[in-house]
Amino acid sequence: MATSQGDQLIRFDNVAKSYSDRRVLSHLSLSIHENDFVALVGNNGCGKTTTINILCNLVSYDEGEVRVFGKKVTKDYTSYKSKLGIVLSTPYLIGEFSVTDYLSFVGKFQFLSRHDIKTRTGDIIRLFDLAEYAALAIKNLSSGNKMKVSLAAALIHNPEILVLDEPFVNLDIRTIQNLTDILKSFKGKKTIFITSHNLDLVTDLCSRFLIMEKGSILTEVTNSSGLTTTELKEQIKGYLTSGNKPVEQIDWLK
C-alpha cells in the first residue's frame, strides 16, 4: 500500500473545531494515502462526524490545516468534491424526487453524459435492489432504503475517494453483505475513509484504524503485524472500552 508523502490524498494538520464553548476537535492530525482503506473509530461524541463534515467542506475549521489533493480546503476550494463519493450518517436527499429522478439529478450534477446517466442509474438501482422502489418518492422510503439511495448516489460518478460516515446504519443483513462485497472490490483501485461502530465489518474491510478520543487521534492500529481479524478487533476494542464502569458499581440498579 502506498505510503509516500507525495501520494497523500487527505491530510489534517493540528485541526481544531469548536461549537460555541465546546471544543469538538483538538490538534487533530491524520493522513490518508492513495488506495488506503482507513477506518476512523471512536465512541459517541469523539468528533468523527465533525471530521467527515470538515473533509466534505460542510463546516469550517477554526485552526490548523486540511489539504485534499495537496490543496488547502477553504470555502472557495470545493472542486475536489467531484472526486469524492460521500455518504453521511443522516442522508441529505430530495424527498420529493423519485429514486430514478434523484440518481439522474446527481448524475447531471456530476456532469455525466445522458447515456452514462441512463446506463449507470439502471445499473446502480439493480446493484442496491431498489428496482421496486425506483418510481417512488424518496420521502416515502424506509430509512434503510434511503441509505441505499445515498450509497447509490455516492457511487454513480465512480469517485476516486469514498467518504462514508456510518454507511451500515439501518441496512438489512443482505444489503450489508452486498455493500461489504462492493467495497472490497475497490481494493487497490479506490481510497476509502469510513466511520463505523461495527468493528466486525470494519476490521474485515480496512487495513488502518485511527482510534479517536476527545477530538484527536489517540493511536493508530494496523493489521500489518499478521493479527487475525479477531485479535485486531480485540485490540481496537481495548482502546474504546478502557475506563468502563460496570453496573455493579451502582447500588440501586440491581
Foldseek 3Di string as FASTA:
>chain_A
DDDDPLFWFKWWAQWWADDPPRTQAGRATDTFGQLAAEEEEADPSLRPLVVLCCVQVVDDTDDTFMDGNRHTDDNPPRPCCLQEQEQHPQDDFDQQQFLLRRLLVLCVVSVHDPVLSVVLSVVLCVLQVNVVRRRPGNNPDDSQVVLSSSNSSSPSSPHQEYEEEASCPPHDPVNLVSVLVVLQVCRVPHHYYYYHNPLLSSLVRGFKYFYTGNNYTPDIDGCPVVDDSVRSSVVNVCVHCPPPDDPVVPVVPD
